Amino acid sequence: MATKTTMGETISNLRKKNNMTQTELANKMGVTDKAVSKWERDLSCPDISSIPQLAETLGIPINELLNVKGSMENNKISGDKIDKIFDLVLKAVAVAMGVAVVTLSALKQIEPSSAITLLGIGLTCCAIALLKENKK
């Protein structure tokens, strides 16, 4: 196969090329037709130990079956987005710790040592976020 496709697309195309139904392929592989359906929709992958049998059943070499693009390839997150998410999480944790201490203190449901610990966590997250911003 010249163009890279997902493993599911490859399995589906080769199964159809060999005039097999999902049930027929499943029976040859010793799995359920639901498993084959999940493979073809890229919801799961065949067990690594069954790849040689699958390749043989589909009439292709193993390396051709495995020469596919990853289904996660289109979901790459840039480093900039990761930094923004990390900053957001740090700030959210800081705010959450502050709100938790205030709320629990008002309800008299927190020990002073626990309050200090939560505030320390919040302040640490806040400090890390500020240091990251100053570094930019």
Protein backbone atom coordinates (compact mmCIF):
# COMPACT_ATOMS: atom_id res chain seq x y z
CA MET A 1 0.00 0.00 0.00
CA ALA A 2 1.66 3.21 -1.18
CA THR A 3 -0.18 5.71 0.98
CA LYS A 4 -0.18 5.40 4.70
CA THR A 5 -3.56 4.63 6.21
CA THR A 6 -4.63 3.64 9.67
CA MET A 7 -4.44 -0.02 10.62
CA GLY A 8 -8.23 -0.17 10.71
CA GLU A 9 -8.53 1.17 7.17
CA THR A 10 -5.90 -1.31 6.00
CA ILE A 11 -7.68 -4.27 7.61
CA SER A 12 -11.05 -3.17 6.22
CA ASN A 13 -9.71 -2.61 2.68
CA LEU A 14 -7.85 -5.93 2.58
CA ARG A 15 -10.77 -7.85 4.06
CA LYS A 16 -13.07 -6.46 1.36
CA LYS A 17 -10.45 -7.07 -1.33
CA ASN A 18 -10.39 -10.73 -0.22
CA ASN A 19 -14.22 -10.86 -0.34
CA MET A 20 -14.52 -11.63 3.37
CA THR A 21 -17.13 -10.46 5.81
CA GLN A 22 -16.17 -9.30 9.28
CA THR A 23 -17.63 -12.55 10.62
CA GLU A 24 -15.53 -14.67 8.24
CA LEU A 25 -12.35 -12.82 9.20
CA ALA A 26 -13.28 -13.12 12.87
CA ASN A 27 -13.78 -16.88 12.54
CA LYS A 28 -10.39 -17.30 10.83
CA MET A 29 -8.75 -15.21 13.56
CA GLY A 30 -10.59 -16.84 16.48
CA VAL A 31 -12.15 -13.56 17.63
CA THR A 32 -15.62 -12.05 17.52
CA ASP A 33 -16.96 -10.01 14.63
CA LYS A 34 -17.28 -7.14 17.12
CA ALA A 35 -13.51 -7.26 17.65
CA VAL A 36 -12.94 -7.02 13.89
CA SER A 37 -15.37 -4.12 13.73
CA LYS A 38 -13.44 -2.30 16.47
CA TRP A 39 -10.16 -2.91 14.61
CA GLU A 40 -11.60 -1.47 11.42
CA ARG A 41 -12.93 1.61 13.21
CA ASP A 42 -9.56 2.13 14.98
CA LEU A 43 -11.19 1.72 18.39
CA SER A 44 -8.76 -1.07 19.24
CA CYS A 45 -5.93 -3.00 17.62
CA PRO A 46 -5.40 -6.71 17.13
CA ASP A 47 -3.33 -8.42 19.83
CA ILE A 48 0.35 -8.28 18.92
CA SER A 49 0.58 -12.07 18.97
CA SER A 50 -2.16 -12.34 16.33
CA ILE A 51 -0.55 -9.91 13.84
CA PRO A 52 1.30 -12.65 11.90
CA GLN A 53 -1.90 -14.69 11.52
CA LEU A 54 -3.87 -11.58 10.50
CA ALA A 55 -1.29 -10.65 7.88
CA GLU A 56 -1.31 -14.19 6.50
CA THR A 57 -5.13 -14.29 6.45
CA LEU A 58 -5.24 -10.97 4.59
CA GLY A 59 -2.49 -12.13 2.20
CA ILE A 60 0.12 -9.47 2.93
CA PRO A 61 3.52 -9.36 4.65
CA ILE A 62 3.55 -8.38 8.32
CA ASN A 63 5.60 -5.24 7.67
CA GLU A 64 2.97 -4.00 5.20
CA LEU A 65 0.22 -4.51 7.76
CA LEU A 66 2.24 -2.60 10.35
CA ASN A 67 3.31 0.18 7.97
CA VAL A 68 0.40 2.43 8.86
CA LYS A 69 0.07 5.87 10.31
CA GLY A 70 -0.91 6.11 13.96
CA SER A 71 -4.48 7.12 14.70
CA MET A 72 -3.07 9.62 17.22
CA GLU A 73 -0.92 11.31 14.54
CA ASN A 74 -3.57 13.94 13.86
CA ASN A 75 -3.94 14.72 17.56
CA LYS A 76 -0.49 16.20 18.11
CA ILE A 77 -0.47 19.06 20.60
CA SER A 78 2.10 21.79 20.14
CA GLY A 79 4.49 22.69 22.95
CA ASP A 80 2.88 26.14 23.17
CA LYS A 81 -0.55 24.60 23.82
CA ILE A 82 0.92 22.32 26.47
CA ASP A 83 2.51 25.32 28.21
CA LYS A 84 -0.82 27.17 28.19
CA ILE A 85 -2.64 24.16 29.59
CA PHE A 86 0.04 23.69 32.27
CA ASP A 87 -0.24 27.36 33.28
CA LEU A 88 -4.01 27.10 33.43
CA VAL A 89 -3.84 23.98 35.61
CA LEU A 90 -1.36 25.61 37.99
CA LYS A 91 -3.57 28.67 38.40
CA ALA A 92 -6.70 26.55 38.79
CA VAL A 93 -5.08 24.48 41.55
CA ALA A 94 -3.99 27.65 43.34
CA VAL A 95 -7.52 29.10 43.21
CA ALA A 96 -9.09 25.77 44.21
CA MET A 97 -6.86 25.46 47.27
CA GLY A 98 -7.70 29.01 48.36
CA VAL A 99 -11.44 28.49 47.90
CA ALA A 100 -11.29 25.15 49.72
CA VAL A 101 -9.52 26.66 52.73
CA VAL A 102 -11.91 29.62 52.94
CA THR A 103 -14.99 27.42 52.57
CA LEU A 104 -13.85 24.73 55.00
CA SER A 105 -12.71 27.34 57.51
CA ALA A 106 -16.10 29.07 57.36
CA LEU A 107 -17.77 25.72 58.01
CA LYS A 108 -15.22 24.92 60.74
CA GLN A 109 -14.42 21.66 58.97
CA ILE A 110 -10.64 21.99 58.62
CA GLU A 111 -7.73 21.71 61.00
CA PRO A 112 -5.23 24.59 60.96
CA SER A 113 -2.40 22.27 59.86
CA SER A 114 -4.48 21.02 56.92
CA ALA A 115 -5.38 24.59 55.98
CA ILE A 116 -1.71 25.56 55.97
CA THR A 117 -0.87 22.53 53.82
CA LEU A 118 -3.57 23.37 51.27
CA LEU A 119 -2.51 27.03 51.18
CA GLY A 120 1.10 25.92 50.74
CA ILE A 121 0.14 23.80 47.75
CA GLY A 122 -1.82 26.69 46.27
CA LEU A 123 1.00 29.19 46.82
CA THR A 124 3.54 26.78 45.33
CA CYS A 125 1.42 26.37 42.18
CA CYS A 126 0.96 30.14 42.00
CA ALA A 127 4.72 30.71 42.39
CA ILE A 128 5.54 28.20 39.64
CA ALA A 129 3.04 29.87 37.29
CA LEU A 130 4.51 33.32 38.03
CA LEU A 131 8.08 32.09 37.55
CA LYS A 132 7.12 30.56 34.21
CA GLU A 133 5.55 33.85 33.09
CA ASN A 134 8.63 35.85 34.15
CA LYS A 135 10.88 33.41 32.30
CA LYS A 136 9.12 34.17 29.02
